[in-house]
Structure formats: C-alpha cells, structure tokens
C-alpha cells in the first residue's frame, strides 16, 4: 500500500470512528423504544418469510391461516412489518382480532409497512441487529415460511441461539415440507453425517409442518409443560 493511499484511508477511518461514537446513542434509543413497547404486548409468535410472496399464493394463504389460528389461541403475531408473508401474518392476526405487531425496516422490497399492523404496535428500526433482538427476545415461537436470504439469515440465527443455549428452548417450525426438505437433507447428509459440524439432536429441535393444525397442536403440547416467558 502506498503512503499516499495509506494516509487517505487512515483519515477516512478516523472520521468514521468519530461518527461511530455518536451512533451508539441512536442504537441505544432503538433498543429502549423496542424493549418498552414489546414488553407490554405479551406472548407472541414470530412469522418470517419472503416479502415477494403475493396474495393468492399458497404460502400467503397458509400464513394467513396459521396466524389466524395462533391469534385465536391467544398469541400475538410478530412480523417484519412489510409485504408478502409478513403482510399475511399480520392479516391473519387482524382477522382474528389478535395482537398484530410489525417490526419495520426499510428495504428494497419493503418500502412501507403493511396495513394490518396495530397502530400502537408498529416499531421502526434502522439497524437490523436491534430488530433481530426484538424478535429473539419476545417470541414464544418462531415460524419460518418459505423465503430468501433474509429468511435463511433469521433461520440460522434463531437455530444457533437455541443450539447454544443462549436463550430458552423455544418452538421453531418450518412451514412447507416441499420447500424446506432439500435444505434439511443437506444439513443431515453433509453437515451432520459427513462433516460432523452439528450434533444428532440439533435438527430435532426444528419441526417441519404443512398445516395450521400441526402448528397449534405442537405449541399446545410444548407449553403444557413449559413457561411462557421472554427468551432472555
């Protein structure tokens, strides 16, 4: 690296470091607002999935049904607040008269929050990691609908937190065996059997279901002998 280039980069880095110190206060403010609002809502289930799934798609309709059934059971529904699967989750909660929560963040496919979120339960975030903490802390169940990179990011983060015991073991469900079976086969064949990068029980903590009835039955069974409480 030339001295000229090095000096430019060091100057840029120093300016960035000064900005980062002030950034801490904005991050803290997002955590405080999130904790204060989420702590008042009560037991919830988070639903993750693609922002690109359109109304009328089988996974959109399945999400509406699952969210509606869970809201009827007394669970609030948390989504990322955008369109697609998120909209379907909030719509199902809204139809059932349940609590409908949106953790919004501006992304290329999610320019505005969907209309099915309760007005007092819509929270805006600039930082992905703060938003993720809210999902992780306040959900008593995680439902992974078919989705893209963002859904897989959330899938593996939640799975890691459960695997490592960083929060209470919490129901984690993938909906749509046709969509998820290939990933689970790869994890079993390669991650577990060939490379030994996960343990035998790690995949058992994640359920794969296709119907709302299965989801409701599993949550009933799980919480018949586990406490409903924040995860950490």
C-alpha atoms as a PDB file:
ATOM      1  CA  UNK A   1       0.000   0.000   0.000  1.00  0.00           C
ATOM      2  CA  UNK A   2       1.455   3.393  -0.999  1.00  0.00           C
ATOM      3  CA  UNK A   3       1.974   6.094   1.655  1.00  0.00           C
ATOM      4  CA  UNK A   4      -0.470   8.389  -0.182  1.00  0.00           C
ATOM      5  CA  UNK A   5      -3.196   5.744  -0.230  1.00  0.00           C
ATOM      6  CA  UNK A   6      -2.473   4.776   3.376  1.00  0.00           C
ATOM      7  CA  UNK A   7      -2.811   8.378   4.602  1.00  0.00           C
ATOM      8  CA  UNK A   8      -6.144   8.838   2.810  1.00  0.00           C
ATOM      9  CA  UNK A   9      -7.527   5.626   4.289  1.00  0.00           C
ATOM     10  CA  UNK A  10      -6.347   6.466   7.802  1.00  0.00           C
ATOM     11  CA  UNK A  11      -8.010   9.886   7.598  1.00  0.00           C
ATOM     12  CA  UNK A  12     -11.268   8.329   6.405  1.00  0.00           C
ATOM     13  CA  UNK A  13     -11.090   5.730   9.166  1.00  0.00           C
ATOM     14  CA  UNK A  14     -10.579   8.405  11.860  1.00  0.00           C
ATOM     15  CA  UNK A  15     -13.640  10.328  10.649  1.00  0.00           C
ATOM     16  CA  UNK A  16     -15.713   7.120  10.637  1.00  0.00           C
ATOM     17  CA  UNK A  17     -14.600   6.271  14.170  1.00  0.00           C
ATOM     18  CA  UNK A  18     -15.757   9.674  15.451  1.00  0.00           C
ATOM     19  CA  UNK A  19     -19.163   9.162  13.822  1.00  0.00           C
ATOM     20  CA  UNK A  20     -19.435   5.673  15.362  1.00  0.00           C
ATOM     21  CA  UNK A  21     -19.158   7.057  18.890  1.00  0.00           C
ATOM     22  CA  UNK A  22     -22.278   9.189  18.391  1.00  0.00           C
ATOM     23  CA  UNK A  23     -24.035   6.313  16.635  1.00  0.00           C
ATOM     24  CA  UNK A  24     -24.149   4.455  19.955  1.00  0.00           C
ATOM     25  CA  UNK A  25     -26.865   6.830  21.221  1.00  0.00           C
ATOM     26  CA  UNK A  26     -29.141   6.122  18.245  1.00  0.00           C
ATOM     27  CA  UNK A  27     -28.639   2.380  18.729  1.00  0.00           C
ATOM     28  CA  UNK A  28     -29.457   2.706  22.429  1.00  0.00           C
ATOM     29  CA  UNK A  29     -32.606   4.683  21.619  1.00  0.00           C
ATOM     30  CA  UNK A  30     -33.817   1.919  19.285  1.00  0.00           C
ATOM     31  CA  UNK A  31     -33.235  -0.712  21.975  1.00  0.00           C
ATOM     32  CA  UNK A  32     -35.057   1.328  24.635  1.00  0.00           C
ATOM     33  CA  UNK A  33     -38.092   2.001  22.427  1.00  0.00           C
ATOM     34  CA  UNK A  34     -38.221  -1.634  21.327  1.00  0.00           C
ATOM     35  CA  UNK A  35     -37.945  -3.073  24.840  1.00  0.00           C
ATOM     36  CA  UNK A  36     -40.556  -0.679  26.244  1.00  0.00           C
ATOM     37  CA  UNK A  37     -43.143  -1.449  23.553  1.00  0.00           C
ATOM     38  CA  UNK A  38     -42.532  -5.183  23.202  1.00  0.00           C
ATOM     39  CA  UNK A  39     -42.566  -5.899  26.950  1.00  0.00           C
ATOM     40  CA  UNK A  40     -46.208  -4.741  27.123  1.00  0.00           C
ATOM     41  CA  UNK A  41     -47.560  -6.961  24.355  1.00  0.00           C
ATOM     42  CA  UNK A  42     -47.498 -10.423  25.921  1.00  0.00           C
ATOM     43  CA  UNK A  43     -46.856 -13.886  24.435  1.00  0.00           C
ATOM     44  CA  UNK A  44     -46.248 -13.788  20.685  1.00  0.00           C
ATOM     45  CA  UNK A  45     -45.152 -15.941  17.769  1.00  0.00           C
ATOM     46  CA  UNK A  46     -42.879 -14.524  15.083  1.00  0.00           C
ATOM     47  CA  UNK A  47     -43.507 -15.366  11.447  1.00  0.00           C
ATOM     48  CA  UNK A  48     -40.682 -14.961   8.923  1.00  0.00           C
ATOM     49  CA  UNK A  49     -40.842 -15.328   5.138  1.00  0.00           C
ATOM     50  CA  UNK A  50     -40.456 -13.707   1.773  1.00  0.00           C
ATOM     51  CA  UNK A  51     -41.537 -10.125   1.103  1.00  0.00           C
ATOM     52  CA  UNK A  52     -42.129 -11.167  -2.526  1.00  0.00           C
ATOM     53  CA  UNK A  53     -44.926 -13.688  -1.923  1.00  0.00           C
ATOM     54  CA  UNK A  54     -48.146 -12.347  -3.441  1.00  0.00           C
ATOM     55  CA  UNK A  55     -51.725 -12.624  -2.133  1.00  0.00           C
ATOM     56  CA  UNK A  56     -53.301 -15.756  -3.539  1.00  0.00           C
ATOM     57  CA  UNK A  57     -50.073 -17.766  -3.417  1.00  0.00           C
ATOM     58  CA  UNK A  58     -50.447 -20.983  -1.424  1.00  0.00           C
ATOM     59  CA  UNK A  59     -47.857 -19.882   1.136  1.00  0.00           C
ATOM     60  CA  UNK A  60     -49.515 -16.482   1.569  1.00  0.00           C
ATOM     61  CA  UNK A  61     -52.840 -18.163   2.256  1.00  0.00           C
ATOM     62  CA  UNK A  62     -51.234 -20.718   4.583  1.00  0.00           C
ATOM     63  CA  UNK A  63     -49.579 -17.904   6.546  1.00  0.00           C
ATOM     64  CA  UNK A  64     -52.914 -16.113   6.973  1.00  0.00           C
ATOM     65  CA  UNK A  65     -54.454 -19.342   8.269  1.00  0.00           C
ATOM     66  CA  UNK A  66     -51.598 -20.113  10.679  1.00  0.00           C
ATOM     67  CA  UNK A  67     -51.527 -16.563  12.062  1.00  0.00           C
ATOM     68  CA  UNK A  68     -55.303 -16.512  12.473  1.00  0.00           C
ATOM     69  CA  UNK A  69     -55.330 -19.813  14.348  1.00  0.00           C
ATOM     70  CA  UNK A  70     -52.491 -18.733  16.635  1.00  0.00           C
ATOM     71  CA  UNK A  71     -54.189 -15.386  17.353  1.00  0.00           C
ATOM     72  CA  UNK A  72     -57.359 -17.275  18.250  1.00  0.00           C
ATOM     73  CA  UNK A  73     -55.244 -19.267  20.723  1.00  0.00           C
ATOM     74  CA  UNK A  74     -54.146 -16.020  22.383  1.00  0.00           C
ATOM     75  CA  UNK A  75     -50.762 -15.441  20.774  1.00  0.00           C
ATOM     76  CA  UNK A  76     -49.811 -12.099  19.292  1.00  0.00           C
ATOM     77  CA  UNK A  77     -48.223 -12.247  15.840  1.00  0.00           C
ATOM     78  CA  UNK A  78     -44.906 -10.516  15.133  1.00  0.00           C
ATOM     79  CA  UNK A  79     -43.645  -9.957  11.588  1.00  0.00           C
ATOM     80  CA  UNK A  80     -41.108  -7.746   9.887  1.00  0.00           C
ATOM     81  CA  UNK A  81     -43.955  -5.403   9.004  1.00  0.00           C
ATOM     82  CA  UNK A  82     -43.584  -5.459   5.229  1.00  0.00           C
ATOM     83  CA  UNK A  83     -45.495  -7.060   2.338  1.00  0.00           C
ATOM     84  CA  UNK A  84     -45.654 -10.705   1.292  1.00  0.00           C
ATOM     85  CA  UNK A  85     -45.526 -13.310   4.047  1.00  0.00           C
ATOM     86  CA  UNK A  86     -45.239 -10.552   6.640  1.00  0.00           C
ATOM     87  CA  UNK A  87     -48.444  -8.938   5.443  1.00  0.00           C
ATOM     88  CA  UNK A  88     -50.141 -12.351   5.500  1.00  0.00           C
ATOM     89  CA  UNK A  89     -49.091 -12.918   9.116  1.00  0.00           C
ATOM     90  CA  UNK A  90     -50.401  -9.556  10.258  1.00  0.00           C
ATOM     91  CA  UNK A  91     -53.564 -10.064   8.217  1.00  0.00           C
ATOM     92  CA  UNK A  92     -54.301 -13.374   9.942  1.00  0.00           C
ATOM     93  CA  UNK A  93     -53.857 -11.784  13.359  1.00  0.00           C
ATOM     94  CA  UNK A  94     -56.056  -8.868  12.332  1.00  0.00           C
ATOM     95  CA  UNK A  95     -58.854 -11.137  11.074  1.00  0.00           C
ATOM     96  CA  UNK A  96     -58.877 -12.961  14.418  1.00  0.00           C
ATOM     97  CA  UNK A  97     -58.858  -9.717  16.417  1.00  0.00           C
ATOM     98  CA  UNK A  98     -55.460 -10.612  17.856  1.00  0.00           C
ATOM     99  CA  UNK A  99     -52.392  -8.531  18.579  1.00  0.00           C
ATOM    100  CA  UNK A 100     -50.612  -7.664  15.318  1.00  0.00           C
ATOM    101  CA  UNK A 101     -47.017  -6.422  15.630  1.00  0.00           C
ATOM    102  CA  UNK A 102     -44.760  -5.046  12.888  1.00  0.00           C
ATOM    103  CA  UNK A 103     -41.006  -4.533  13.293  1.00  0.00           C
ATOM    104  CA  UNK A 104     -40.374  -2.371  10.266  1.00  0.00           C
ATOM    105  CA  UNK A 105     -37.150  -1.680   8.412  1.00  0.00           C
ATOM    106  CA  UNK A 106     -36.767  -0.009   5.019  1.00  0.00           C
ATOM    107  CA  UNK A 107     -35.522  -2.439   2.362  1.00  0.00           C
ATOM    108  CA  UNK A 108     -35.735  -2.525  -1.457  1.00  0.00           C
ATOM    109  CA  UNK A 109     -38.809  -4.803  -1.413  1.00  0.00           C
ATOM    110  CA  UNK A 110     -40.343  -3.371   1.774  1.00  0.00           C
ATOM    111  CA  UNK A 111     -40.840   0.354   1.293  1.00  0.00           C
ATOM    112  CA  UNK A 112     -43.852   0.748   3.600  1.00  0.00           C
ATOM    113  CA  UNK A 113     -45.450  -1.161   6.446  1.00  0.00           C
ATOM    114  CA  UNK A 114     -48.479  -3.295   5.639  1.00  0.00           C
ATOM    115  CA  UNK A 115     -51.980  -2.093   6.670  1.00  0.00           C
ATOM    116  CA  UNK A 116     -52.755  -4.967   9.075  1.00  0.00           C
ATOM    117  CA  UNK A 117     -50.418  -3.909  11.906  1.00  0.00           C
ATOM    118  CA  UNK A 118     -51.933  -2.448  15.071  1.00  0.00           C
ATOM    119  CA  UNK A 119     -51.128   1.243  15.099  1.00  0.00           C
ATOM    120  CA  UNK A 120     -49.655   1.106  18.609  1.00  0.00           C
ATOM    121  CA  UNK A 121     -47.581  -1.988  17.787  1.00  0.00           C
ATOM    122  CA  UNK A 122     -45.663  -0.715  14.784  1.00  0.00           C
ATOM    123  CA  UNK A 123     -41.985  -0.059  15.518  1.00  0.00           C
ATOM    124  CA  UNK A 124     -39.444   1.319  13.028  1.00  0.00           C
ATOM    125  CA  UNK A 125     -35.779   0.310  13.016  1.00  0.00           C
ATOM    126  CA  UNK A 126     -32.671   1.490  11.178  1.00  0.00           C
ATOM    127  CA  UNK A 127     -30.494  -1.350  12.441  1.00  0.00           C
ATOM    128  CA  UNK A 128     -31.061  -4.980  11.518  1.00  0.00           C
ATOM    129  CA  UNK A 129     -29.342  -6.267  14.643  1.00  0.00           C
ATOM    130  CA  UNK A 130     -31.589  -4.274  17.016  1.00  0.00           C
ATOM    131  CA  UNK A 131     -34.667  -5.519  15.169  1.00  0.00           C
ATOM    132  CA  UNK A 132     -33.404  -9.109  15.421  1.00  0.00           C
ATOM    133  CA  UNK A 133     -33.024  -8.804  19.193  1.00  0.00           C
ATOM    134  CA  UNK A 134     -36.712  -7.870  19.465  1.00  0.00           C
ATOM    135  CA  UNK A 135     -37.740 -10.965  17.502  1.00  0.00           C
ATOM    136  CA  UNK A 136     -35.459 -13.199  19.545  1.00  0.00           C
ATOM    137  CA  UNK A 137     -36.335 -11.858  23.000  1.00  0.00           C
ATOM    138  CA  UNK A 138     -40.107 -11.590  22.804  1.00  0.00           C
ATOM    139  CA  UNK A 139     -41.221 -14.564  20.665  1.00  0.00           C
ATOM    140  CA  UNK A 140     -42.578 -17.749  22.209  1.00  0.00           C
ATOM    141  CA  UNK A 141     -42.407 -19.482  18.851  1.00  0.00           C
ATOM    142  CA  UNK A 142     -40.677 -18.976  15.512  1.00  0.00           C
ATOM    143  CA  UNK A 143     -42.355 -19.928  12.241  1.00  0.00           C
ATOM    144  CA  UNK A 144     -40.234 -19.958   9.095  1.00  0.00           C
ATOM    145  CA  UNK A 145     -42.304 -19.712   5.955  1.00  0.00           C
ATOM    146  CA  UNK A 146     -40.582 -20.058   2.567  1.00  0.00           C
ATOM    147  CA  UNK A 147     -38.313 -17.102   1.904  1.00  0.00           C
ATOM    148  CA  UNK A 148     -34.979 -15.898   0.623  1.00  0.00           C
ATOM    149  CA  UNK A 149     -31.654 -14.826   2.103  1.00  0.00           C
ATOM    150  CA  UNK A 150     -33.282 -12.774   4.868  1.00  0.00           C
ATOM    151  CA  UNK A 151     -35.423 -15.688   5.995  1.00  0.00           C
ATOM    152  CA  UNK A 152     -32.431 -18.036   5.970  1.00  0.00           C
ATOM    153  CA  UNK A 153     -30.431 -15.478   7.953  1.00  0.00           C
ATOM    154  CA  UNK A 154     -33.155 -15.437  10.603  1.00  0.00           C
ATOM    155  CA  UNK A 155     -33.499 -19.240  10.432  1.00  0.00           C
ATOM    156  CA  UNK A 156     -29.830 -19.880  11.190  1.00  0.00           C
ATOM    157  CA  UNK A 157     -29.558 -17.146  13.812  1.00  0.00           C
ATOM    158  CA  UNK A 158     -32.530 -18.484  15.807  1.00  0.00           C
ATOM    159  CA  UNK A 159     -31.318 -22.075  15.387  1.00  0.00           C
ATOM    160  CA  UNK A 160     -27.871 -21.057  16.675  1.00  0.00           C
ATOM    161  CA  UNK A 161     -29.313 -19.280  19.722  1.00  0.00           C
ATOM    162  CA  UNK A 162     -31.364 -22.352  20.631  1.00  0.00           C
ATOM    163  CA  UNK A 163     -28.493 -24.762  19.899  1.00  0.00           C
ATOM    164  CA  UNK A 164     -26.038 -22.832  22.081  1.00  0.00           C
ATOM    165  CA  UNK A 165     -28.497 -22.280  24.925  1.00  0.00           C
ATOM    166  CA  UNK A 166     -28.276 -18.514  24.656  1.00  0.00           C
ATOM    167  CA  UNK A 167     -31.976 -18.407  25.288  1.00  0.00           C
ATOM    168  CA  UNK A 168     -34.684 -20.755  26.440  1.00  0.00           C
ATOM    169  CA  UNK A 169     -35.518 -23.603  24.082  1.00  0.00           C
ATOM    170  CA  UNK A 170     -38.392 -22.231  22.023  1.00  0.00           C
ATOM    171  CA  UNK A 171     -40.569 -23.900  19.358  1.00  0.00           C
ATOM    172  CA  UNK A 172     -39.088 -23.425  15.889  1.00  0.00           C
ATOM    173  CA  UNK A 173     -41.171 -24.526  12.926  1.00  0.00           C
ATOM    174  CA  UNK A 174     -40.552 -24.561   9.176  1.00  0.00           C
ATOM    175  CA  UNK A 175     -43.770 -24.500   7.170  1.00  0.00           C
ATOM    176  CA  UNK A 176     -43.839 -26.237   3.791  1.00  0.00           C
ATOM    177  CA  UNK A 177     -42.014 -29.572   3.621  1.00  0.00           C
ATOM    178  CA  UNK A 178     -41.689 -29.263  -0.164  1.00  0.00           C
ATOM    179  CA  UNK A 179     -39.717 -26.034   0.284  1.00  0.00           C
ATOM    180  CA  UNK A 180     -37.529 -26.989   3.242  1.00  0.00           C
ATOM    181  CA  UNK A 181     -36.825 -30.711   2.738  1.00  0.00           C
ATOM    182  CA  UNK A 182     -33.819 -30.129   0.449  1.00  0.00           C
ATOM    183  CA  UNK A 183     -32.088 -27.898   2.984  1.00  0.00           C
ATOM    184  CA  UNK A 184     -32.716 -30.360   5.805  1.00  0.00           C
ATOM    185  CA  UNK A 185     -31.433 -33.275   3.699  1.00  0.00           C
ATOM    186  CA  UNK A 186     -28.219 -31.332   3.025  1.00  0.00           C
ATOM    187  CA  UNK A 187     -27.809 -30.468   6.719  1.00  0.00           C
ATOM    188  CA  UNK A 188     -28.320 -34.123   7.682  1.00  0.00           C
ATOM    189  CA  UNK A 189     -26.180 -35.679   4.930  1.00  0.00           C
ATOM    190  CA  UNK A 190     -23.348 -33.147   4.815  1.00  0.00           C
ATOM    191  CA  UNK A 191     -23.289 -31.032   7.979  1.00  0.00           C
ATOM    192  CA  UNK A 192     -24.040 -33.948  10.320  1.00  0.00           C
ATOM    193  CA  UNK A 193     -23.141 -37.297   8.776  1.00  0.00           C
ATOM    194  CA  UNK A 194     -20.234 -36.350   6.505  1.00  0.00           C
ATOM    195  CA  UNK A 195     -18.571 -33.409   8.273  1.00  0.00           C
ATOM    196  CA  UNK A 196     -19.847 -33.752  11.892  1.00  0.00           C
ATOM    197  CA  UNK A 197     -20.357 -29.987  12.112  1.00  0.00           C
ATOM    198  CA  UNK A 198     -23.613 -30.348  14.037  1.00  0.00           C
ATOM    199  CA  UNK A 199     -24.840 -32.876  16.595  1.00  0.00           C
ATOM    200  CA  UNK A 200     -27.506 -35.547  16.202  1.00  0.00           C
ATOM    201  CA  UNK A 201     -30.094 -33.612  18.230  1.00  0.00           C
ATOM    202  CA  UNK A 202     -29.592 -30.254  16.555  1.00  0.00           C
ATOM    203  CA  UNK A 203     -32.009 -30.941  13.718  1.00  0.00           C
ATOM    204  CA  UNK A 204     -34.568 -32.457  16.090  1.00  0.00           C
ATOM    205  CA  UNK A 205     -35.184 -29.053  17.666  1.00  0.00           C
ATOM    206  CA  UNK A 206     -36.726 -27.803  14.384  1.00  0.00           C
ATOM    207  CA  UNK A 207     -40.083 -29.141  13.224  1.00  0.00           C
ATOM    208  CA  UNK A 208     -41.342 -29.234   9.633  1.00  0.00           C
ATOM    209  CA  UNK A 209     -45.108 -28.950   9.208  1.00  0.00           C
ATOM    210  CA  UNK A 210     -47.594 -28.325   6.412  1.00  0.00           C
ATOM    211  CA  UNK A 211     -50.804 -27.384   8.237  1.00  0.00           C
ATOM    212  CA  UNK A 212     -52.036 -24.912  10.829  1.00  0.00           C
ATOM    213  CA  UNK A 213     -53.468 -27.799  12.865  1.00  0.00           C
ATOM    214  CA  UNK A 214     -49.974 -29.262  13.319  1.00  0.00           C
ATOM    215  CA  UNK A 215     -48.584 -25.907  14.461  1.00  0.00           C
ATOM    216  CA  UNK A 216     -51.343 -25.315  17.017  1.00  0.00           C
ATOM    217  CA  UNK A 217     -51.079 -28.874  18.364  1.00  0.00           C
ATOM    218  CA  UNK A 218     -47.306 -28.596  18.760  1.00  0.00           C
ATOM    219  CA  UNK A 219     -47.494 -25.274  20.608  1.00  0.00           C
ATOM    220  CA  UNK A 220     -50.248 -26.632  22.866  1.00  0.00           C
ATOM    221  CA  UNK A 221     -48.118 -29.658  23.719  1.00  0.00           C
ATOM    222  CA  UNK A 222     -44.937 -27.621  24.216  1.00  0.00           C
ATOM    223  CA  UNK A 223     -46.486 -25.047  26.537  1.00  0.00           C
ATOM    224  CA  UNK A 224     -48.345 -27.645  28.546  1.00  0.00           C
ATOM    225  CA  UNK A 225     -45.005 -28.203  30.322  1.00  0.00           C
ATOM    226  CA  UNK A 226     -43.007 -25.029  29.580  1.00  0.00           C
ATOM    227  CA  UNK A 227     -43.429 -21.454  30.819  1.00  0.00           C
ATOM    228  CA  UNK A 228     -44.469 -18.587  28.572  1.00  0.00           C
ATOM    229  CA  UNK A 229     -41.739 -16.002  29.134  1.00  0.00           C
ATOM    230  CA  UNK A 230     -39.232 -13.798  27.296  1.00  0.00           C
ATOM    231  CA  UNK A 231     -36.282 -15.797  25.992  1.00  0.00           C
ATOM    232  CA  UNK A 232     -33.556 -13.917  27.897  1.00  0.00           C
END
